[in-house]
Protein backbone atom coordinates (compact mmCIF):
# COMPACT_ATOMS: atom_id res chain seq x y z
CA MET A 1 -81.13 -15.83 -86.83
CA LEU A 2 -77.51 -14.70 -86.13
CA LEU A 3 -74.89 -16.78 -85.80
CA ALA A 4 -70.80 -16.23 -85.02
CA PHE A 5 -67.76 -18.21 -86.05
CA PRO A 6 -64.57 -17.18 -85.13
CA LEU A 7 -61.96 -16.66 -87.93
CA PHE A 8 -58.25 -17.21 -87.62
CA ALA A 9 -56.64 -15.24 -84.56
CA ALA A 10 -59.01 -12.10 -85.14
CA ASP A 11 -61.99 -12.21 -87.59
CA VAL A 12 -65.11 -12.95 -86.39
CA ARG A 13 -67.69 -14.15 -89.29
CA LEU A 14 -71.15 -13.03 -88.53
CA GLU A 15 -73.85 -14.78 -90.39
CA TRP A 16 -77.83 -14.65 -90.82
CA ASP A 17 -80.77 -15.50 -92.60
CA ALA A 18 -81.60 -13.72 -96.12
CA LYS A 19 -84.02 -11.23 -95.97
CA PRO A 20 -87.81 -12.16 -96.72
CA ALA A 21 -88.86 -11.79 -100.25
CA ASP A 22 -91.48 -9.53 -99.56
CA GLN A 23 -89.14 -7.25 -97.88
CA THR A 24 -86.98 -4.31 -99.18
CA TRP A 25 -83.68 -3.91 -96.94
CA THR A 26 -81.16 -1.64 -97.75
CA ALA A 27 -78.71 -2.48 -95.50
CA VAL A 28 -78.02 -4.55 -92.28
CA ARG A 29 -75.99 -3.27 -89.42
CA ILE A 30 -74.02 -4.98 -87.01
CA TYR A 31 -73.78 -3.71 -83.36
CA GLU A 32 -71.63 -4.65 -80.55
CA VAL A 33 -72.56 -4.14 -76.91
CA THR A 34 -69.78 -2.24 -75.27
CA ASP A 35 -70.28 -1.27 -72.01
CA GLY A 36 -74.08 -1.68 -71.94
CA LYS A 37 -74.17 0.49 -75.15
CA ALA A 38 -74.59 -0.76 -78.60
CA VAL A 39 -71.87 0.74 -80.83
CA GLN A 40 -72.31 -0.09 -84.80
CA VAL A 41 -68.84 -1.79 -85.87
CA ALA A 42 -70.26 -3.03 -89.52
CA GLU A 43 -72.37 -1.88 -92.32
CA VAL A 44 -73.26 -4.21 -95.42
CA ALA A 45 -75.68 -4.75 -97.94
CA GLY A 46 -79.30 -5.05 -97.61
CA ASP A 47 -79.03 -8.51 -99.36
CA ALA A 48 -75.81 -9.91 -97.85
CA VAL A 49 -76.19 -12.67 -95.66
CA ARG A 50 -72.87 -12.21 -93.71
CA ALA A 51 -70.19 -9.64 -92.40
CA THR A 52 -66.48 -10.51 -91.42
CA LEU A 53 -65.21 -8.32 -88.49
CA ALA A 54 -61.22 -7.99 -88.56
CA ASP A 55 -58.92 -7.49 -86.26
CA VAL A 56 -60.99 -8.24 -83.49
CA LYS A 57 -59.13 -8.21 -79.98
CA ALA A 58 -59.47 -11.35 -78.20
CA GLY A 59 -62.36 -11.81 -75.03
CA SER A 60 -65.78 -11.98 -74.88
CA HIS A 61 -68.04 -9.76 -77.66
CA ILE A 62 -71.52 -9.84 -78.08
CA TYR A 63 -73.35 -8.57 -81.13
CA PHE A 64 -76.62 -7.86 -83.18
CA ALA A 65 -78.04 -6.92 -86.50
CA ARG A 66 -80.77 -4.43 -87.61
CA SER A 67 -82.05 -4.33 -91.15
CA VAL A 68 -82.60 -0.71 -92.65
CA ASN A 69 -84.76 0.33 -95.10
CA VAL A 70 -86.01 4.06 -96.32
CA ALA A 71 -88.67 4.02 -92.99
CA GLY A 72 -85.71 3.21 -90.30
CA GLU A 73 -83.89 0.31 -88.68
CA SER A 74 -85.50 -3.01 -87.51
CA ASP A 75 -85.28 -4.14 -83.73
CA ASN A 76 -82.46 -5.77 -82.55
CA SER A 77 -82.08 -9.43 -83.83
CA ASN A 78 -80.83 -11.77 -81.25
CA GLN A 79 -77.37 -11.37 -79.80
CA VAL A 80 -74.72 -13.51 -79.82
CA GLU A 81 -71.43 -14.18 -77.77
CA ALA A 82 -68.32 -14.13 -80.47
CA MET A 83 -65.18 -15.73 -78.27
CA VAL A 84 -61.53 -14.73 -79.46
CA PRO A 85 -58.95 -16.71 -78.14
CA ASN A 86 -56.11 -15.00 -76.67
CA LEU A 87 -53.42 -16.60 -78.98
CA PRO A 88 -49.50 -16.45 -78.55
CA ASN A 89 -47.67 -13.96 -80.43
CA PRO A 90 -45.77 -15.84 -83.85
CA PRO A 91 -42.13 -16.82 -83.05
CA ALA A 92 -40.03 -14.33 -84.08
CA ASN A 93 -36.35 -13.06 -85.77
CA MET A 94 -36.86 -16.28 -88.04
CA ARG A 95 -33.65 -17.53 -90.14
CA TYR A 96 -32.48 -19.88 -92.53
CA GLU A 97 -29.37 -21.91 -93.06
CA ILE A 98 -28.31 -23.46 -96.71
CA ILE A 99 -26.43 -26.64 -95.71
CA ILE A 100 -24.87 -28.31 -98.87
CA SER A 101 -23.58 -31.89 -98.41
CA ILE A 102 -21.03 -33.16 -100.83
CA LYS A 103 -20.66 -37.11 -100.87
CA VAL A 104 -17.45 -38.19 -102.83
CA VAL A 105 -17.86 -41.05 -105.27
CA PRO A 106 -15.06 -43.02 -106.41
CA ASP A 107 -14.45 -42.79 -110.00
CA GLU A 108 -14.57 -46.78 -111.70
CA ARG A 109 -12.72 -45.73 -114.29
CA GLN A 110 -9.44 -44.51 -113.18
CA PRO A 111 -7.62 -47.73 -112.33
CA GLN A 112 -7.04 -48.85 -108.98
CA ALA A 113 -3.67 -49.09 -107.16
CA ARG A 114 -2.57 -52.50 -106.29
């Protein structure tokens, strides 16, 4: 089963079940459905169980995976939808100011005027 988890502002982590013990996968390919077409967006090792997609733009994204071996690619996994929020820009022109406070404490060793 493929799962999607938004991370940070624009990273999406996809996770799936480990390959069955009786199969040899050379890779797992991640596809995004864009305008009705499957576009490969990542490939990881066959024994991987997750992939992180970086710099994903805000909006809804639909992904699926295919396992790969020497004979070719599998059918599509289930599809998942990842919703990346449209976060505001960070504050700009950060500045700092150093403030030094000096407190004057009377010296009690000096004689006081009477």
